[in-house]
Amino acid sequence: MQTKIKTDEVLEQHNELRTKCLVYTRVMGYHRPVESFNLGKKGEHKQRVHFRERAR
């Protein structure tokens, strides 16, 4: 829990520097911002499993 408190403190100190971040995802061959999805699609996006490809 200590880490969470420190994170909140840092966010409060630098709140004026924060900006909105748009997240894009690839849907049907093109990229779309997630914020334009309907509720069902946003739910599907949250359930996706992310993976990292290992370097050869």
PDB file of N, CA and C in Angstrom:
ATOM      1  N   MET A   1       0.817  -1.197   0.000  1.00  0.00           N
ATOM      2  CA  MET A   1       0.000   0.000   0.000  1.00  0.00           C
ATOM      3  C   MET A   1       0.859   1.259   0.000  1.00  0.00           C
ATOM      4  N   GLN A   2       2.046   1.167   0.520  1.00  0.00           N
ATOM      5  CA  GLN A   2       2.964   2.306   0.575  1.00  0.00           C
ATOM      6  C   GLN A   2       3.257   2.845  -0.825  1.00  0.00           C
ATOM      7  N   THR A   3       3.415   1.948  -1.811  1.00  0.00           N
ATOM      8  CA  THR A   3       3.701   2.371  -3.181  1.00  0.00           C
ATOM      9  C   THR A   3       2.549   3.199  -3.743  1.00  0.00           C
ATOM     10  N   LYS A   4       1.328   2.810  -3.456  1.00  0.00           N
ATOM     11  CA  LYS A   4       0.159   3.532  -3.947  1.00  0.00           C
ATOM     12  C   LYS A   4       0.133   4.957  -3.402  1.00  0.00           C
ATOM     13  N   ILE A   5       0.464   5.123  -2.147  1.00  0.00           N
ATOM     14  CA  ILE A   5       0.486   6.460  -1.543  1.00  0.00           C
ATOM     15  C   ILE A   5       1.533   7.326  -2.231  1.00  0.00           C
ATOM     16  N   LYS A   6       2.709   6.791  -2.478  1.00  0.00           N
ATOM     17  CA  LYS A   6       3.755   7.564  -3.143  1.00  0.00           C
ATOM     18  C   LYS A   6       3.330   7.945  -4.550  1.00  0.00           C
ATOM     19  N   THR A   7       2.702   7.022  -5.267  1.00  0.00           N
ATOM     20  CA  THR A   7       2.234   7.307  -6.624  1.00  0.00           C
ATOM     21  C   THR A   7       1.214   8.432  -6.610  1.00  0.00           C
ATOM     22  N   ASP A   8       0.258   8.372  -5.691  1.00  0.00           N
ATOM     23  CA  ASP A   8      -0.754   9.427  -5.593  1.00  0.00           C
ATOM     24  C   ASP A   8      -0.122  10.774  -5.268  1.00  0.00           C
ATOM     25  N   GLU A   9       0.884  10.766  -4.404  1.00  0.00           N
ATOM     26  CA  GLU A   9       1.563  12.014  -4.052  1.00  0.00           C
ATOM     27  C   GLU A   9       2.257  12.617  -5.267  1.00  0.00           C
ATOM     28  N   VAL A  10       2.921  11.793  -6.038  1.00  0.00           N
ATOM     29  CA  VAL A  10       3.623  12.267  -7.240  1.00  0.00           C
ATOM     30  C   VAL A  10       2.618  12.820  -8.240  1.00  0.00           C
ATOM     31  N   LEU A  11       1.498  12.130  -8.432  1.00  0.00           N
ATOM     32  CA  LEU A  11       0.484  12.611  -9.365  1.00  0.00           C
ATOM     33  C   LEU A  11      -0.087  13.953  -8.929  1.00  0.00           C
ATOM     34  N   GLU A  12      -0.304  14.109  -7.646  1.00  0.00           N
ATOM     35  CA  GLU A  12      -0.814  15.381  -7.127  1.00  0.00           C
ATOM     36  C   GLU A  12       0.186  16.513  -7.352  1.00  0.00           C
ATOM     37  N   GLN A  13       1.456  16.246  -7.135  1.00  0.00           N
ATOM     38  CA  GLN A  13       2.484  17.277  -7.279  1.00  0.00           C
ATOM     39  C   GLN A  13       2.620  17.751  -8.721  1.00  0.00           C
ATOM     40  N   HIS A  14       2.382  16.862  -9.671  1.00  0.00           N
ATOM     41  CA  HIS A  14       2.599  17.178 -11.084  1.00  0.00           C
ATOM     42  C   HIS A  14       1.294  17.190 -11.880  1.00  0.00           C
ATOM     43  N   ASN A  15       0.194  17.425 -11.217  1.00  0.00           N
ATOM     44  CA  ASN A  15      -1.111  17.377 -11.870  1.00  0.00           C
ATOM     45  C   ASN A  15      -1.225  18.372 -13.019  1.00  0.00           C
ATOM     46  N   GLU A  16      -0.625  19.542 -12.897  1.00  0.00           N
ATOM     47  CA  GLU A  16      -0.733  20.567 -13.949  1.00  0.00           C
ATOM     48  C   GLU A  16       0.023  20.175 -15.223  1.00  0.00           C
ATOM     49  N   LEU A  17       0.932  19.206 -15.134  1.00  0.00           N
ATOM     50  CA  LEU A  17       1.702  18.772 -16.297  1.00  0.00           C
ATOM     51  C   LEU A  17       1.040  17.631 -17.057  1.00  0.00           C
ATOM     52  N   ARG A  18       0.024  17.021 -16.461  1.00  0.00           N
ATOM     53  CA  ARG A  18      -0.622  15.864 -17.076  1.00  0.00           C
ATOM     54  C   ARG A  18      -1.503  16.277 -18.246  1.00  0.00           C
ATOM     55  N   THR A  19      -1.553  15.445 -19.280  1.00  0.00           N
ATOM     56  CA  THR A  19      -2.399  15.687 -20.441  1.00  0.00           C
ATOM     57  C   THR A  19      -3.154  14.414 -20.791  1.00  0.00           C
ATOM     58  N   LYS A  20      -4.188  14.549 -21.580  1.00  0.00           N
ATOM     59  CA  LYS A  20      -4.985  13.410 -22.005  1.00  0.00           C
ATOM     60  C   LYS A  20      -4.187  12.576 -23.011  1.00  0.00           C
ATOM     61  N   CYS A  21      -4.253  11.280 -22.864  1.00  0.00           N
ATOM     62  CA  CYS A  21      -3.537  10.361 -23.749  1.00  0.00           C
ATOM     63  C   CYS A  21      -4.549   9.553 -24.549  1.00  0.00           C
ATOM     64  N   LEU A  22      -4.477   9.611 -25.866  1.00  0.00           N
ATOM     65  CA  LEU A  22      -5.364   8.812 -26.706  1.00  0.00           C
ATOM     66  C   LEU A  22      -4.733   7.447 -26.953  1.00  0.00           C
ATOM     67  N   VAL A  23      -5.521   6.410 -26.752  1.00  0.00           N
ATOM     68  CA  VAL A  23      -5.065   5.042 -26.984  1.00  0.00           C
ATOM     69  C   VAL A  23      -5.713   4.563 -28.269  1.00  0.00           C
ATOM     70  N   TYR A  24      -4.902   4.102 -29.205  1.00  0.00           N
ATOM     71  CA  TYR A  24      -5.404   3.570 -30.464  1.00  0.00           C
ATOM     72  C   TYR A  24      -5.217   2.063 -30.486  1.00  0.00           C
ATOM     73  N   THR A  25      -6.112   1.372 -31.174  1.00  0.00           N
ATOM     74  CA  THR A  25      -5.983  -0.057 -31.351  1.00  0.00           C
ATOM     75  C   THR A  25      -6.357  -0.403 -32.784  1.00  0.00           C
ATOM     76  N   ARG A  26      -5.850  -1.508 -33.250  1.00  0.00           N
ATOM     77  CA  ARG A  26      -6.105  -1.927 -34.625  1.00  0.00           C
ATOM     78  C   ARG A  26      -7.399  -2.723 -34.653  1.00  0.00           C
ATOM     79  N   VAL A  27      -8.358  -2.271 -35.470  1.00  0.00           N
ATOM     80  CA  VAL A  27      -9.645  -2.943 -35.616  1.00  0.00           C
ATOM     81  C   VAL A  27      -9.917  -3.124 -37.103  1.00  0.00           C
ATOM     82  N   MET A  28     -10.103  -4.347 -37.508  1.00  0.00           N
ATOM     83  CA  MET A  28     -10.445  -4.658 -38.899  1.00  0.00           C
ATOM     84  C   MET A  28      -9.474  -4.020 -39.893  1.00  0.00           C
ATOM     85  N   GLY A  29      -8.189  -4.031 -39.576  1.00  0.00           N
ATOM     86  CA  GLY A  29      -7.177  -3.583 -40.518  1.00  0.00           C
ATOM     87  C   GLY A  29      -6.826  -2.114 -40.457  1.00  0.00           C
ATOM     88  N   TYR A  30      -7.466  -1.342 -39.604  1.00  0.00           N
ATOM     89  CA  TYR A  30      -7.099   0.064 -39.480  1.00  0.00           C
ATOM     90  C   TYR A  30      -7.108   0.453 -38.003  1.00  0.00           C
ATOM     91  N   HIS A  31      -6.521   1.580 -37.676  1.00  0.00           N
ATOM     92  CA  HIS A  31      -6.385   2.012 -36.285  1.00  0.00           C
ATOM     93  C   HIS A  31      -7.494   2.998 -35.908  1.00  0.00           C
ATOM     94  N   ARG A  32      -8.079   2.784 -34.715  1.00  0.00           N
ATOM     95  CA  ARG A  32      -9.138   3.653 -34.205  1.00  0.00           C
ATOM     96  C   ARG A  32      -8.862   3.997 -32.752  1.00  0.00           C
ATOM     97  N   PRO A  33      -9.252   5.192 -32.310  1.00  0.00           N
ATOM     98  CA  PRO A  33      -9.093   5.518 -30.888  1.00  0.00           C
ATOM     99  C   PRO A  33     -10.105   4.735 -30.052  1.00  0.00           C
ATOM    100  N   VAL A  34      -9.647   4.198 -28.935  1.00  0.00           N
ATOM    101  CA  VAL A  34     -10.503   3.392 -28.068  1.00  0.00           C
ATOM    102  C   VAL A  34     -11.649   4.225 -27.503  1.00  0.00           C
ATOM    103  N   GLU A  35     -11.429   5.519 -27.291  1.00  0.00           N
ATOM    104  CA  GLU A  35     -12.482   6.356 -26.709  1.00  0.00           C
ATOM    105  C   GLU A  35     -13.711   6.457 -27.609  1.00  0.00           C
ATOM    106  N   SER A  36     -13.588   6.143 -28.894  1.00  0.00           N
ATOM    107  CA  SER A  36     -14.741   6.210 -29.792  1.00  0.00           C
ATOM    108  C   SER A  36     -15.547   4.911 -29.810  1.00  0.00           C
ATOM    109  N   PHE A  37     -15.106   3.886 -29.076  1.00  0.00           N
ATOM    110  CA  PHE A  37     -15.820   2.613 -29.027  1.00  0.00           C
ATOM    111  C   PHE A  37     -17.107   2.756 -28.214  1.00  0.00           C
ATOM    112  N   ASN A  38     -18.084   1.880 -28.523  1.00  0.00           N
ATOM    113  CA  ASN A  38     -19.277   1.813 -27.680  1.00  0.00           C
ATOM    114  C   ASN A  38     -18.949   1.004 -26.422  1.00  0.00           C
ATOM    115  N   LEU A  39     -19.883   0.926 -25.472  1.00  0.00           N
ATOM    116  CA  LEU A  39     -19.614   0.269 -24.186  1.00  0.00           C
ATOM    117  C   LEU A  39     -19.192  -1.186 -24.346  1.00  0.00           C
ATOM    118  N   GLY A  40     -19.851  -1.925 -25.230  1.00  0.00           N
ATOM    119  CA  GLY A  40     -19.520  -3.330 -25.427  1.00  0.00           C
ATOM    120  C   GLY A  40     -18.111  -3.518 -25.967  1.00  0.00           C
ATOM    121  N   LYS A  41     -17.743  -2.705 -26.921  1.00  0.00           N
ATOM    122  CA  LYS A  41     -16.410  -2.801 -27.517  1.00  0.00           C
ATOM    123  C   LYS A  41     -15.335  -2.391 -26.517  1.00  0.00           C
ATOM    124  N   LYS A  42     -15.605  -1.375 -25.676  1.00  0.00           N
ATOM    125  CA  LYS A  42     -14.651  -0.980 -24.641  1.00  0.00           C
ATOM    126  C   LYS A  42     -14.433  -2.125 -23.661  1.00  0.00           C
ATOM    127  N   GLY A  43     -15.509  -2.849 -23.324  1.00  0.00           N
ATOM    128  CA  GLY A  43     -15.394  -3.999 -22.434  1.00  0.00           C
ATOM    129  C   GLY A  43     -14.539  -5.100 -23.050  1.00  0.00           C
ATOM    130  N   GLU A  44     -14.737  -5.368 -24.332  1.00  0.00           N
ATOM    131  CA  GLU A  44     -13.926  -6.364 -25.035  1.00  0.00           C
ATOM    132  C   GLU A  44     -12.454  -5.951 -25.034  1.00  0.00           C
ATOM    133  N   HIS A  45     -12.192  -4.677 -25.238  1.00  0.00           N
ATOM    134  CA  HIS A  45     -10.816  -4.176 -25.273  1.00  0.00           C
ATOM    135  C   HIS A  45     -10.127  -4.390 -23.935  1.00  0.00           C
ATOM    136  N   LYS A  46     -10.833  -4.162 -22.821  1.00  0.00           N
ATOM    137  CA  LYS A  46     -10.253  -4.348 -21.488  1.00  0.00           C
ATOM    138  C   LYS A  46      -9.930  -5.811 -21.210  1.00  0.00           C
ATOM    139  N   GLN A  47     -10.670  -6.732 -21.823  1.00  0.00           N
ATOM    140  CA  GLN A  47     -10.466  -8.159 -21.575  1.00  0.00           C
ATOM    141  C   GLN A  47      -9.364  -8.756 -22.442  1.00  0.00           C
ATOM    142  N   ARG A  48      -8.860  -8.027 -23.402  1.00  0.00           N
ATOM    143  CA  ARG A  48      -7.816  -8.556 -24.280  1.00  0.00           C
ATOM    144  C   ARG A  48      -6.551  -8.892 -23.511  1.00  0.00           C
ATOM    145  N   VAL A  49      -5.884  -9.932 -23.963  1.00  0.00           N
ATOM    146  CA  VAL A  49      -4.626 -10.355 -23.356  1.00  0.00           C
ATOM    147  C   VAL A  49      -3.492  -9.806 -24.209  1.00  0.00           C
ATOM    148  N   HIS A  50      -2.571  -9.073 -23.582  1.00  0.00           N
ATOM    149  CA  HIS A  50      -1.438  -8.505 -24.294  1.00  0.00           C
ATOM    150  C   HIS A  50      -0.240  -9.435 -24.156  1.00  0.00           C
ATOM    151  N   PHE A  51       0.544  -9.553 -25.184  1.00  0.00           N
ATOM    152  CA  PHE A  51       1.715 -10.394 -25.134  1.00  0.00           C
ATOM    153  C   PHE A  51       2.895  -9.668 -25.758  1.00  0.00           C
ATOM    154  N   ARG A  52       4.078 -10.134 -25.416  1.00  0.00           N
ATOM    155  CA  ARG A  52       5.311  -9.597 -26.005  1.00  0.00           C
ATOM    156  C   ARG A  52       6.023 -10.710 -26.729  1.00  0.00           C
ATOM    157  N   GLU A  53       6.429 -10.408 -27.920  1.00  0.00           N
ATOM    158  CA  GLU A  53       7.168 -11.387 -28.703  1.00  0.00           C
ATOM    159  C   GLU A  53       8.625 -11.379 -28.241  1.00  0.00           C
ATOM    160  N   ARG A  54       9.147 -12.561 -27.971  1.00  0.00           N
ATOM    161  CA  ARG A  54      10.538 -12.638 -27.529  1.00  0.00           C
ATOM    162  C   ARG A  54      11.491 -12.370 -28.670  1.00  0.00           C
ATOM    163  N   ALA A  55      12.593 -11.715 -28.339  1.00  0.00           N
ATOM    164  CA  ALA A  55      13.619 -11.427 -29.345  1.00  0.00           C
ATOM    165  C   ALA A  55      14.321 -12.740 -29.715  1.00  0.00           C
ATOM    166  N   ARG A  56      14.738 -12.828 -30.944  1.00  0.00           N
ATOM    167  CA  ARG A  56      15.415 -14.057 -31.396  1.00  0.00           C
ATOM    168  C   ARG A  56      16.854 -14.020 -31.068  1.00  0.00           C
TER     169      ARG A  56
END
